[in-house]
C-alpha atoms as a PDB file:
ATOM      1  CA  MET A   1     -38.913  12.649 -25.321  1.00  0.00           C
ATOM      2  CA  LYS A   2     -38.455  11.219 -22.283  1.00  0.00           C
ATOM      3  CA  ASP A   3     -35.311   9.204 -21.031  1.00  0.00           C
ATOM      4  CA  LYS A   4     -34.475   6.033 -19.353  1.00  0.00           C
ATOM      5  CA  SER A   5     -31.435   4.435 -17.469  1.00  0.00           C
ATOM      6  CA  LEU A   6     -31.248   0.805 -16.359  1.00  0.00           C
ATOM      7  CA  THR A   7     -29.050  -2.085 -15.108  1.00  0.00           C
ATOM      8  CA  ILE A   8     -29.378  -5.392 -16.581  1.00  0.00           C
ATOM      9  CA  LYS A   9     -28.082  -8.423 -14.790  1.00  0.00           C
ATOM     10  CA  VAL A  10     -28.693 -11.442 -17.570  1.00  0.00           C
ATOM     11  CA  TYR A  11     -28.829 -14.783 -16.345  1.00  0.00           C
ATOM     12  CA  GLY A  12     -28.111 -18.020 -18.290  1.00  0.00           C
ATOM     13  CA  ARG A  13     -25.544 -19.311 -21.073  1.00  0.00           C
ATOM     14  CA  VAL A  14     -24.266 -15.887 -21.644  1.00  0.00           C
ATOM     15  CA  GLN A  15     -20.763 -15.726 -21.492  1.00  0.00           C
ATOM     16  CA  GLY A  16     -18.558 -17.485 -24.212  1.00  0.00           C
ATOM     17  CA  VAL A  17     -21.263 -16.772 -26.689  1.00  0.00           C
ATOM     18  CA  GLY A  18     -20.454 -13.660 -28.458  1.00  0.00           C
ATOM     19  CA  PHE A  19     -23.303 -11.885 -25.801  1.00  0.00           C
ATOM     20  CA  ARG A  20     -21.259  -8.600 -25.141  1.00  0.00           C
ATOM     21  CA  PHE A  21     -20.101  -8.202 -28.857  1.00  0.00           C
ATOM     22  CA  SER A  22     -23.512  -8.834 -30.105  1.00  0.00           C
ATOM     23  CA  ALA A  23     -25.119  -6.485 -27.125  1.00  0.00           C
ATOM     24  CA  GLN A  24     -22.585  -3.694 -28.284  1.00  0.00           C
ATOM     25  CA  ARG A  25     -24.246  -4.228 -31.882  1.00  0.00           C
ATOM     26  CA  ALA A  26     -28.144  -3.910 -30.985  1.00  0.00           C
ATOM     27  CA  ALA A  27     -27.233  -1.306 -28.849  1.00  0.00           C
ATOM     28  CA  VAL A  28     -25.786   0.604 -31.154  1.00  0.00           C
ATOM     29  CA  SER A  29     -28.108  -0.170 -33.905  1.00  0.00           C
ATOM     30  CA  PHE A  30     -30.769   1.335 -31.249  1.00  0.00           C
ATOM     31  CA  GLY A  31     -29.517   4.108 -30.078  1.00  0.00           C
ATOM     32  CA  VAL A  32     -28.401   2.873 -26.607  1.00  0.00           C
ATOM     33  CA  ALA A  33     -25.908   4.077 -24.810  1.00  0.00           C
ATOM     34  CA  GLY A  34     -23.674   2.530 -21.879  1.00  0.00           C
ATOM     35  CA  TRP A  35     -21.556  -0.397 -21.266  1.00  0.00           C
ATOM     36  CA  VAL A  36     -21.538  -4.481 -21.130  1.00  0.00           C
ATOM     37  CA  ARG A  37     -19.343  -7.052 -19.117  1.00  0.00           C
ATOM     38  CA  ASN A  38     -18.598 -10.181 -17.805  1.00  0.00           C
ATOM     39  CA  GLU A  39     -19.409 -10.940 -14.249  1.00  0.00           C
ATOM     40  CA  TRP A  40     -17.594 -13.561 -11.793  1.00  0.00           C
ATOM     41  CA  ASP A  41     -20.631 -15.472 -11.315  1.00  0.00           C
ATOM     42  CA  GLY A  42     -21.166 -16.038 -15.045  1.00  0.00           C
ATOM     43  CA  THR A  43     -23.731 -13.137 -15.756  1.00  0.00           C
ATOM     44  CA  VAL A  44     -23.337 -10.319 -17.719  1.00  0.00           C
ATOM     45  CA  LEU A  45     -24.153  -7.220 -16.237  1.00  0.00           C
ATOM     46  CA  ILE A  46     -25.227  -4.013 -18.772  1.00  0.00           C
ATOM     47  CA  HIS A  47     -25.629  -0.630 -18.004  1.00  0.00           C
ATOM     48  CA  CYS A  48     -27.589   1.398 -20.591  1.00  0.00           C
ATOM     49  CA  GLU A  49     -29.425   4.695 -21.097  1.00  0.00           C
ATOM     50  CA  GLY A  50     -31.533   6.715 -24.174  1.00  0.00           C
ATOM     51  CA  GLU A  51     -34.913   6.937 -25.192  1.00  0.00           C
ATOM     52  CA  VAL A  52     -37.094   5.039 -23.657  1.00  0.00           C
ATOM     53  CA  SER A  53     -38.627   3.433 -26.867  1.00  0.00           C
ATOM     54  CA  SER A  54     -34.594   2.625 -27.816  1.00  0.00           C
ATOM     55  CA  VAL A  55     -34.003   1.281 -24.157  1.00  0.00           C
ATOM     56  CA  ASP A  56     -36.933  -0.950 -24.239  1.00  0.00           C
ATOM     57  CA  GLN A  57     -36.400  -2.498 -28.033  1.00  0.00           C
ATOM     58  CA  PHE A  58     -33.011  -3.348 -26.491  1.00  0.00           C
ATOM     59  CA  VAL A  59     -34.192  -4.947 -23.692  1.00  0.00           C
ATOM     60  CA  ASN A  60     -36.289  -7.076 -25.516  1.00  0.00           C
ATOM     61  CA  TRP A  61     -33.448  -8.187 -27.321  1.00  0.00           C
ATOM     62  CA  CYS A  62     -31.636  -9.267 -24.141  1.00  0.00           C
ATOM     63  CA  ARG A  63     -34.190 -11.226 -23.535  1.00  0.00           C
ATOM     64  CA  LYS A  64     -32.749 -13.495 -26.229  1.00  0.00           C
ATOM     65  CA  GLY A  65     -29.500 -12.351 -27.176  1.00  0.00           C
ATOM     66  CA  PRO A  66     -27.009 -14.006 -29.644  1.00  0.00           C
ATOM     67  CA  SER A  67     -28.246 -17.422 -31.245  1.00  0.00           C
ATOM     68  CA  LEU A  68     -25.953 -19.169 -29.078  1.00  0.00           C
ATOM     69  CA  ALA A  69     -26.655 -17.838 -25.733  1.00  0.00           C
ATOM     70  CA  HIS A  70     -29.416 -19.069 -23.736  1.00  0.00           C
ATOM     71  CA  VAL A  71     -31.180 -16.334 -21.412  1.00  0.00           C
ATOM     72  CA  ILE A  72     -33.224 -17.089 -18.751  1.00  0.00           C
ATOM     73  CA  SER A  73     -33.993 -14.493 -16.853  1.00  0.00           C
ATOM     74  CA  LEU A  74     -32.900 -10.476 -16.738  1.00  0.00           C
ATOM     75  CA  ASP A  75     -32.645  -8.661 -13.310  1.00  0.00           C
ATOM     76  CA  ILE A  76     -33.633  -5.001 -13.863  1.00  0.00           C
ATOM     77  CA  THR A  77     -32.742  -1.631 -11.924  1.00  0.00           C
ATOM     78  CA  VAL A  78     -33.982   1.096 -12.980  1.00  0.00           C
ATOM     79  CA  LEU A  79     -31.729   4.206 -12.387  1.00  0.00           C
ATOM     80  CA  PRO A  80     -32.387   7.886 -12.281  1.00  0.00           C
ATOM     81  CA  TYR A  81     -31.161   8.939 -15.876  1.00  0.00           C
ATOM     82  CA  GLN A  82     -27.858  11.302 -15.999  1.00  0.00           C
ATOM     83  CA  GLY A  83     -26.977  11.177 -20.053  1.00  0.00           C
ATOM     84  CA  VAL A  84     -23.336  10.249 -18.713  1.00  0.00           C
ATOM     85  CA  HIS A  85     -22.049   7.868 -21.733  1.00  0.00           C
ATOM     86  CA  SER A  86     -21.812   8.398 -25.023  1.00  0.00           C
ATOM     87  CA  GLY A  87     -21.588   5.127 -27.334  1.00  0.00           C
ATOM     88  CA  PHE A  88     -22.240   1.717 -25.806  1.00  0.00           C
ATOM     89  CA  LYS A  89     -18.733   0.066 -24.680  1.00  0.00           C
ATOM     90  CA  ILE A  90     -17.701  -3.257 -24.121  1.00  0.00           C
ATOM     91  CA  ASP A  91     -15.926  -3.104 -20.337  1.00  0.00           C
ATOM     92  CA  TYR A  92     -13.077  -5.762 -19.651  1.00  0.00           C
END
């Protein structure tokens, strides 16, 4: 099975709406590893890795986010897969 690694910068109303906690739940449910954190500029930054289909499902979830979020856009960067993460953590 092919693996994929990405960073995702999420723009919109994504802080103060439970985005990180919901992203963690979604990532775990899709079997994706990595981390999520709020950035100083009001965005949310995510690093995720896993099987291609799982990561793609997670990216699709990120396009909408939790119910209180209003995602405007995603900036996605493909990275070389390293497989260094276990689980999905909220980075503070």
